[in-house]
C-alpha atoms as a PDB file:
ATOM      1  CA  MET A   1    -178.864-162.380 197.986  1.00  0.00           C
ATOM      2  CA  ALA A   2    -176.590-164.774 199.791  1.00  0.00           C
ATOM      3  CA  GLU A   3    -178.017-166.423 202.983  1.00  0.00           C
ATOM      4  CA  LYS A   4    -175.982-166.126 206.176  1.00  0.00           C
ATOM      5  CA  SER A   5    -175.601-169.744 207.443  1.00  0.00           C
ATOM      6  CA  THR A   6    -176.095-170.020 211.032  1.00  0.00           C
ATOM      7  CA  PHE A   7    -176.360-173.259 213.106  1.00  0.00           C
ATOM      8  CA  PRO A   8    -176.152-173.325 216.912  1.00  0.00           C
ATOM      9  CA  ILE A   9    -172.964-174.095 218.491  1.00  0.00           C
ATOM     10  CA  GLN A  10    -173.086-177.227 220.682  1.00  0.00           C
ATOM     11  CA  PHE A  11    -170.522-176.399 223.467  1.00  0.00           C
ATOM     12  CA  PRO A  12    -168.838-179.733 224.516  1.00  0.00           C
ATOM     13  CA  HIS A  13    -169.685-180.154 228.203  1.00  0.00           C
ATOM     14  CA  LEU A  14    -166.333-181.048 230.372  1.00  0.00           C
ATOM     15  CA  THR A  15    -166.808-183.827 233.062  1.00  0.00           C
ATOM     16  CA  LYS A  16    -164.369-185.484 235.081  1.00  0.00           C
ATOM     17  CA  THR A  17    -163.631-188.160 232.758  1.00  0.00           C
ATOM     18  CA  ASN A  18    -163.709-186.444 229.366  1.00  0.00           C
ATOM     19  CA  TYR A  19    -160.953-183.898 229.817  1.00  0.00           C
ATOM     20  CA  LYS A  20    -158.833-185.164 226.960  1.00  0.00           C
ATOM     21  CA  ASN A  21    -161.386-185.246 224.366  1.00  0.00           C
ATOM     22  CA  TRP A  22    -162.931-182.010 225.838  1.00  0.00           C
ATOM     23  CA  CYS A  23    -159.636-180.401 225.056  1.00  0.00           C
ATOM     24  CA  ILE A  24    -159.521-181.585 221.454  1.00  0.00           C
ATOM     25  CA  ARG A  25    -162.898-180.299 220.951  1.00  0.00           C
ATOM     26  CA  ILE A  26    -162.859-176.999 222.489  1.00  0.00           C
ATOM     27  CA  LYS A  27    -159.712-176.298 220.799  1.00  0.00           C
ATOM     28  CA  ALA A  28    -161.180-177.026 217.440  1.00  0.00           C
ATOM     29  CA  LEU A  29    -164.138-174.614 218.362  1.00  0.00           C
ATOM     30  CA  LEU A  30    -162.081-171.774 219.492  1.00  0.00           C
ATOM     31  CA  GLY A  31    -159.769-172.228 216.633  1.00  0.00           C
ATOM     32  CA  SER A  32    -162.636-172.036 214.478  1.00  0.00           C
ATOM     33  CA  GLN A  33    -163.829-168.694 215.728  1.00  0.00           C
ATOM     34  CA  ASP A  34    -160.029-167.318 215.883  1.00  0.00           C
ATOM     35  CA  ALA A  35    -160.121-167.386 219.492  1.00  0.00           C
ATOM     36  CA  TRP A  36    -157.507-170.181 220.489  1.00  0.00           C
ATOM     37  CA  ASP A  37    -154.406-168.021 219.995  1.00  0.00           C
ATOM     38  CA  ILE A  38    -155.209-165.741 222.968  1.00  0.00           C
ATOM     39  CA  VAL A  39    -155.855-168.839 225.187  1.00  0.00           C
ATOM     40  CA  GLU A  40    -152.502-170.192 224.348  1.00  0.00           C
ATOM     41  CA  LYS A  41    -150.531-166.976 224.308  1.00  0.00           C
ATOM     42  CA  GLY A  42    -152.590-164.853 226.779  1.00  0.00           C
ATOM     43  CA  TYR A  43    -152.089-160.915 226.798  1.00  0.00           C
ATOM     44  CA  GLU A  44    -150.763-158.494 229.091  1.00  0.00           C
ATOM     45  CA  ILE A  45    -153.255-156.529 231.120  1.00  0.00           C
ATOM     46  CA  PRO A  46    -152.220-153.187 231.767  1.00  0.00           C
ATOM     47  CA  VAL A  47    -152.294-151.567 235.409  1.00  0.00           C
ATOM     48  CA  GLU A  48    -153.547-148.237 234.016  1.00  0.00           C
ATOM     49  CA  ASP A  49    -155.322-147.831 230.844  1.00  0.00           C
ATOM     50  CA  SER A  50    -154.955-144.147 230.955  1.00  0.00           C
ATOM     51  CA  ARG A  51    -151.076-144.291 229.905  1.00  0.00           C
ATOM     52  CA  LEU A  52    -151.597-146.132 227.054  1.00  0.00           C
ATOM     53  CA  SER A  53    -151.054-144.630 223.418  1.00  0.00           C
ATOM     54  CA  PRO A  54    -154.117-144.688 221.044  1.00  0.00           C
ATOM     55  CA  ALA A  55    -152.533-147.859 219.054  1.00  0.00           C
ATOM     56  CA  GLU A  56    -151.862-149.540 222.313  1.00  0.00           C
ATOM     57  CA  LYS A  57    -155.639-148.807 223.628  1.00  0.00           C
ATOM     58  CA  GLU A  58    -156.603-150.415 220.208  1.00  0.00           C
ATOM     59  CA  VAL A  59    -154.613-153.311 220.488  1.00  0.00           C
ATOM     60  CA  LEU A  60    -155.909-153.834 224.089  1.00  0.00           C
ATOM     61  CA  ARG A  61    -159.421-153.414 223.114  1.00  0.00           C
ATOM     62  CA  LYS A  62    -159.009-156.165 220.341  1.00  0.00           C
ATOM     63  CA  ASN A  63    -157.003-158.344 222.801  1.00  0.00           C
ATOM     64  CA  ARG A  64    -159.978-158.181 225.314  1.00  0.00           C
ATOM     65  CA  LYS A  65    -162.543-158.862 222.706  1.00  0.00           C
ATOM     66  CA  SER A  66    -160.680-162.030 221.654  1.00  0.00           C
ATOM     67  CA  ASP A  67    -160.366-163.083 225.201  1.00  0.00           C
ATOM     68  CA  GLN A  68    -164.102-162.740 225.921  1.00  0.00           C
ATOM     69  CA  LYS A  69    -164.668-164.732 222.638  1.00  0.00           C
ATOM     70  CA  ALA A  70    -162.531-167.497 223.975  1.00  0.00           C
ATOM     71  CA  LEU A  71    -163.805-167.203 227.743  1.00  0.00           C
ATOM     72  CA  THR A  72    -167.327-167.561 226.952  1.00  0.00           C
ATOM     73  CA  PRO A  73    -167.474-170.801 225.340  1.00  0.00           C
ATOM     74  CA  ILE A  74    -165.499-172.087 228.151  1.00  0.00           C
ATOM     75  CA  HIS A  75    -167.705-170.873 230.789  1.00  0.00           C
ATOM     76  CA  HIS A  76    -170.749-172.509 228.874  1.00  0.00           C
ATOM     77  CA  CYS A  77    -168.984-176.072 228.972  1.00  0.00           C
ATOM     78  CA  LEU A  78    -168.988-176.381 232.568  1.00  0.00           C
ATOM     79  CA  ASP A  79    -171.248-177.371 235.458  1.00  0.00           C
ATOM     80  CA  GLU A  80    -171.554-174.983 238.386  1.00  0.00           C
ATOM     81  CA  SER A  81    -168.769-176.549 240.497  1.00  0.00           C
ATOM     82  CA  MET A  82    -166.418-176.369 237.863  1.00  0.00           C
ATOM     83  CA  PHE A  83    -167.368-172.777 236.774  1.00  0.00           C
ATOM     84  CA  ASP A  84    -166.875-171.831 240.443  1.00  0.00           C
ATOM     85  CA  GLN A  85    -163.099-172.926 240.177  1.00  0.00           C
ATOM     86  CA  ILE A  86    -162.463-170.577 237.147  1.00  0.00           C
ATOM     87  CA  ALA A  87    -165.083-167.747 237.926  1.00  0.00           C
ATOM     88  CA  ASP A  88    -162.360-165.288 239.089  1.00  0.00           C
ATOM     89  CA  ALA A  89    -160.014-166.163 236.306  1.00  0.00           C
ATOM     90  CA  ALA A  90    -159.220-162.675 234.744  1.00  0.00           C
ATOM     91  CA  THR A  91    -158.465-164.005 231.318  1.00  0.00           C
ATOM     92  CA  ALA A  92    -159.141-167.069 229.148  1.00  0.00           C
ATOM     93  CA  LYS A  93    -155.608-168.293 229.239  1.00  0.00           C
ATOM     94  CA  GLU A  94    -155.841-168.002 233.369  1.00  0.00           C
ATOM     95  CA  ALA A  95    -159.271-170.235 233.226  1.00  0.00           C
ATOM     96  CA  TRP A  96    -157.535-172.772 230.863  1.00  0.00           C
ATOM     97  CA  GLU A  97    -154.722-173.140 233.136  1.00  0.00           C
ATOM     98  CA  ILE A  98    -156.766-173.560 236.180  1.00  0.00           C
ATOM     99  CA  LEU A  99    -158.728-176.399 234.254  1.00  0.00           C
ATOM    100  CA  GLN A 100    -155.794-177.815 232.949  1.00  0.00           C
ATOM    101  CA  LYS A 101    -154.103-178.108 236.472  1.00  0.00           C
ATOM    102  CA  GLU A 102    -157.273-179.480 238.098  1.00  0.00           C
ATOM    103  CA  MET A 103    -158.360-182.033 235.476  1.00  0.00           C
ATOM    104  CA  GLN A 104    -154.815-183.531 234.731  1.00  0.00           C
ATOM    105  CA  GLY A 105    -154.733-184.543 238.495  1.00  0.00           C
ATOM    106  CA  VAL A 106    -157.928-186.426 238.499  1.00  0.00           C
END
């Protein structure tokens, strides 16, 4: 029986001085989890789910799952003050853009 390889993922911690290196590391981490595309491209959040076809609902479900897969590591990389800046972001793309705007100005 093949053993499942598991190792704890060490999330790179974002500080005011390591944004460039943090970006490289978190992009690699999200890429390895097939979650970077959703951060880069985002997805459309419908106003009303009830009007979607079953196929559209499935696409939306997959997009939401990918988005959470990307947003979770981003959340874990931040201290409380940085987390507060993105806490209301609806998507990983939005959170990424907030951090990008905030940190590139530092």
